[in-house]
Amino acid sequence: MDIISAREFCITLPHTEETFPFGEEHLVLKVGGKMYAIIALDGDSTIALKCDPELAIELREQYAAVQPGYHLNKKHWNTVLLNDTIPDAKIEEWIRLSYELTIQGLTKKVRNELML
């Protein structure tokens, strides 16, 4: 998977918004105003994703392309190098997981407003 495919998959998820709060080099994807993915556009070809802490450790041990979140809470975020060593379906699964974890963290009011 490349950064274009990752972005295209993210924007298929309901209520996803694209923002650039950290500058033009990082596309931040949000749901309900909360980040669930950060795609590096500066040539690094990475995506940072929220993850369950125990699963985050397992993925880092299993895949060399999965590292602790760069400039993020390393307990809850992984940075995934998009270098074709991980199947696209796995990355899509992790994006969806990050999205769902973010929705779970939204207030009931926001979830109701978004009809999630």
C-alpha atoms as a PDB file:
ATOM      1  CA  MET A   1       0.000   0.000   0.000  1.00  0.00           C
ATOM      2  CA  ASP A   2       1.199   3.521  -0.731  1.00  0.00           C
ATOM      3  CA  ILE A   3       0.146   6.825   0.841  1.00  0.00           C
ATOM      4  CA  ILE A   4      -2.386   7.526  -1.922  1.00  0.00           C
ATOM      5  CA  SER A   5      -4.113   4.178  -1.376  1.00  0.00           C
ATOM      6  CA  ALA A   6      -4.035   4.682   2.390  1.00  0.00           C
ATOM      7  CA  ARG A   7      -5.691   8.100   2.029  1.00  0.00           C
ATOM      8  CA  GLU A   8      -8.284   6.750  -0.391  1.00  0.00           C
ATOM      9  CA  PHE A   9      -9.194   3.994   2.054  1.00  0.00           C
ATOM     10  CA  CYS A  10      -9.410   6.395   5.002  1.00  0.00           C
ATOM     11  CA  ILE A  11     -11.790   8.759   3.249  1.00  0.00           C
ATOM     12  CA  THR A  12     -14.215   5.894   2.624  1.00  0.00           C
ATOM     13  CA  LEU A  13     -14.822   5.660   6.382  1.00  0.00           C
ATOM     14  CA  PRO A  14     -17.924   7.622   7.468  1.00  0.00           C
ATOM     15  CA  HIS A  15     -17.484  11.210   8.669  1.00  0.00           C
ATOM     16  CA  THR A  16     -13.746  11.261   7.972  1.00  0.00           C
ATOM     17  CA  GLU A  17     -12.326  14.753   7.610  1.00  0.00           C
ATOM     18  CA  GLU A  18      -8.916  15.664   6.210  1.00  0.00           C
ATOM     19  CA  THR A  19      -6.894  18.366   7.956  1.00  0.00           C
ATOM     20  CA  PHE A  20      -3.358  19.760   8.016  1.00  0.00           C
ATOM     21  CA  PRO A  21      -2.880  20.999  11.613  1.00  0.00           C
ATOM     22  CA  PHE A  22       0.850  20.146  11.610  1.00  0.00           C
ATOM     23  CA  GLY A  23       1.722  21.687   8.243  1.00  0.00           C
ATOM     24  CA  GLU A  24       1.604  20.560   4.635  1.00  0.00           C
ATOM     25  CA  GLU A  25       3.819  17.510   5.259  1.00  0.00           C
ATOM     26  CA  HIS A  26       1.268  15.577   7.340  1.00  0.00           C
ATOM     27  CA  LEU A  27      -2.304  14.768   6.377  1.00  0.00           C
ATOM     28  CA  VAL A  28      -4.353  14.190   9.529  1.00  0.00           C
ATOM     29  CA  LEU A  29      -7.542  12.162   9.233  1.00  0.00           C
ATOM     30  CA  LYS A  30     -10.154  12.713  11.904  1.00  0.00           C
ATOM     31  CA  VAL A  31     -13.581  11.514  12.945  1.00  0.00           C
ATOM     32  CA  GLY A  32     -15.627  13.616  15.341  1.00  0.00           C
ATOM     33  CA  GLY A  33     -12.736  16.059  15.565  1.00  0.00           C
ATOM     34  CA  LYS A  34     -10.297  13.396  16.851  1.00  0.00           C
ATOM     35  CA  MET A  35      -7.284  12.028  14.980  1.00  0.00           C
ATOM     36  CA  TYR A  36      -7.213   8.415  13.889  1.00  0.00           C
ATOM     37  CA  ALA A  37      -4.501   8.505  11.202  1.00  0.00           C
ATOM     38  CA  ILE A  38      -1.578  10.688  10.186  1.00  0.00           C
ATOM     39  CA  ILE A  39      -0.081  10.189   6.735  1.00  0.00           C
ATOM     40  CA  ALA A  40       3.397  11.574   6.086  1.00  0.00           C
ATOM     41  CA  LEU A  41       3.484  13.356   2.736  1.00  0.00           C
ATOM     42  CA  ASP A  42       7.150  14.347   2.930  1.00  0.00           C
ATOM     43  CA  GLY A  43       8.566  11.217   1.322  1.00  0.00           C
ATOM     44  CA  ASP A  44       8.653   8.951   4.388  1.00  0.00           C
ATOM     45  CA  SER A  45       5.649   6.898   3.191  1.00  0.00           C
ATOM     46  CA  THR A  46       4.321   6.233   6.680  1.00  0.00           C
ATOM     47  CA  ILE A  47       0.959   6.204   8.380  1.00  0.00           C
ATOM     48  CA  ALA A  48       0.512   6.598  12.132  1.00  0.00           C
ATOM     49  CA  LEU A  49      -2.450   4.726  13.592  1.00  0.00           C
ATOM     50  CA  LYS A  50      -4.072   4.468  17.002  1.00  0.00           C
ATOM     51  CA  CYS A  51      -3.842   0.955  18.429  1.00  0.00           C
ATOM     52  CA  ASP A  52      -4.754  -1.047  21.513  1.00  0.00           C
ATOM     53  CA  PRO A  53      -1.582  -1.011  23.689  1.00  0.00           C
ATOM     54  CA  GLU A  54      -1.193  -4.801  23.873  1.00  0.00           C
ATOM     55  CA  LEU A  55      -1.793  -5.242  20.151  1.00  0.00           C
ATOM     56  CA  ALA A  56       0.616  -2.389  19.404  1.00  0.00           C
ATOM     57  CA  ILE A  57       3.438  -4.310  21.067  1.00  0.00           C
ATOM     58  CA  GLU A  58       2.522  -7.545  19.258  1.00  0.00           C
ATOM     59  CA  LEU A  59       2.514  -5.807  15.869  1.00  0.00           C
ATOM     60  CA  ARG A  60       5.905  -4.186  16.533  1.00  0.00           C
ATOM     61  CA  GLU A  61       7.337  -7.608  17.384  1.00  0.00           C
ATOM     62  CA  GLN A  62       5.773  -9.266  14.348  1.00  0.00           C
ATOM     63  CA  TYR A  63       6.484  -6.644  11.652  1.00  0.00           C
ATOM     64  CA  ALA A  64       9.731  -4.717  11.193  1.00  0.00           C
ATOM     65  CA  ALA A  65       7.747  -2.008   9.367  1.00  0.00           C
ATOM     66  CA  VAL A  66       5.689  -1.273  12.513  1.00  0.00           C
ATOM     67  CA  GLN A  67       7.349   1.063  14.992  1.00  0.00           C
ATOM     68  CA  PRO A  68       6.208   3.044  18.037  1.00  0.00           C
ATOM     69  CA  GLY A  69       4.304   6.201  17.077  1.00  0.00           C
ATOM     70  CA  TYR A  70       6.703   8.911  15.953  1.00  0.00           C
ATOM     71  CA  HIS A  71       6.082  12.091  18.005  1.00  0.00           C
ATOM     72  CA  LEU A  72       2.977  10.423  19.471  1.00  0.00           C
ATOM     73  CA  ASN A  73       2.054   8.467  22.586  1.00  0.00           C
ATOM     74  CA  LYS A  74       4.051   5.318  21.935  1.00  0.00           C
ATOM     75  CA  LYS A  75       1.716   3.239  24.093  1.00  0.00           C
ATOM     76  CA  HIS A  76      -1.336   3.997  21.928  1.00  0.00           C
ATOM     77  CA  TRP A  77       0.091   4.760  18.461  1.00  0.00           C
ATOM     78  CA  ASN A  78       2.102   2.840  15.878  1.00  0.00           C
ATOM     79  CA  THR A  79       3.845   4.239  12.829  1.00  0.00           C
ATOM     80  CA  VAL A  80       3.678   1.875   9.867  1.00  0.00           C
ATOM     81  CA  LEU A  81       6.189   2.116   7.032  1.00  0.00           C
ATOM     82  CA  LEU A  82       4.300   1.690   3.766  1.00  0.00           C
ATOM     83  CA  ASN A  83       6.977  -0.321   1.967  1.00  0.00           C
ATOM     84  CA  ASP A  84       4.946  -3.256   0.609  1.00  0.00           C
ATOM     85  CA  THR A  85       6.147  -5.660   3.329  1.00  0.00           C
ATOM     86  CA  ILE A  86       2.687  -5.754   4.916  1.00  0.00           C
ATOM     87  CA  PRO A  87      -0.375  -6.840   2.909  1.00  0.00           C
ATOM     88  CA  ASP A  88      -2.821  -4.047   2.045  1.00  0.00           C
ATOM     89  CA  ALA A  89      -5.635  -5.936   3.766  1.00  0.00           C
ATOM     90  CA  LYS A  90      -3.690  -5.868   7.063  1.00  0.00           C
ATOM     91  CA  ILE A  91      -3.095  -2.120   6.829  1.00  0.00           C
ATOM     92  CA  GLU A  92      -6.766  -1.552   6.008  1.00  0.00           C
ATOM     93  CA  GLU A  93      -7.674  -3.649   9.057  1.00  0.00           C
ATOM     94  CA  TRP A  94      -5.400  -1.499  11.246  1.00  0.00           C
ATOM     95  CA  ILE A  95      -6.835   1.726   9.800  1.00  0.00           C
ATOM     96  CA  ARG A  96     -10.344   0.491  10.550  1.00  0.00           C
ATOM     97  CA  LEU A  97      -9.277  -0.478  14.093  1.00  0.00           C
ATOM     98  CA  SER A  98      -7.786   2.984  14.655  1.00  0.00           C
ATOM     99  CA  TYR A  99     -10.995   4.571  13.370  1.00  0.00           C
ATOM    100  CA  GLU A 100     -13.139   2.391  15.665  1.00  0.00           C
ATOM    101  CA  LEU A 101     -10.949   3.091  18.723  1.00  0.00           C
ATOM    102  CA  THR A 102     -11.288   6.800  18.019  1.00  0.00           C
ATOM    103  CA  ILE A 103     -15.080   6.539  17.764  1.00  0.00           C
ATOM    104  CA  GLN A 104     -15.167   4.676  21.087  1.00  0.00           C
ATOM    105  CA  GLY A 105     -13.334   7.602  22.673  1.00  0.00           C
ATOM    106  CA  LEU A 106     -15.829  10.188  21.434  1.00  0.00           C
ATOM    107  CA  THR A 107     -18.479  11.505  23.773  1.00  0.00           C
ATOM    108  CA  LYS A 108     -21.942  10.023  23.489  1.00  0.00           C
ATOM    109  CA  LYS A 109     -23.172  13.418  22.294  1.00  0.00           C
ATOM    110  CA  VAL A 110     -20.689  13.513  19.406  1.00  0.00           C
ATOM    111  CA  ARG A 111     -21.368   9.892  18.462  1.00  0.00           C
ATOM    112  CA  ASN A 112     -25.106  10.668  18.398  1.00  0.00           C
ATOM    113  CA  GLU A 113     -24.540  13.797  16.302  1.00  0.00           C
ATOM    114  CA  LEU A 114     -22.587  11.695  13.798  1.00  0.00           C
ATOM    115  CA  MET A 115     -25.136   8.864  14.101  1.00  0.00           C
ATOM    116  CA  LEU A 116     -22.380   6.377  14.913  1.00  0.00           C
END
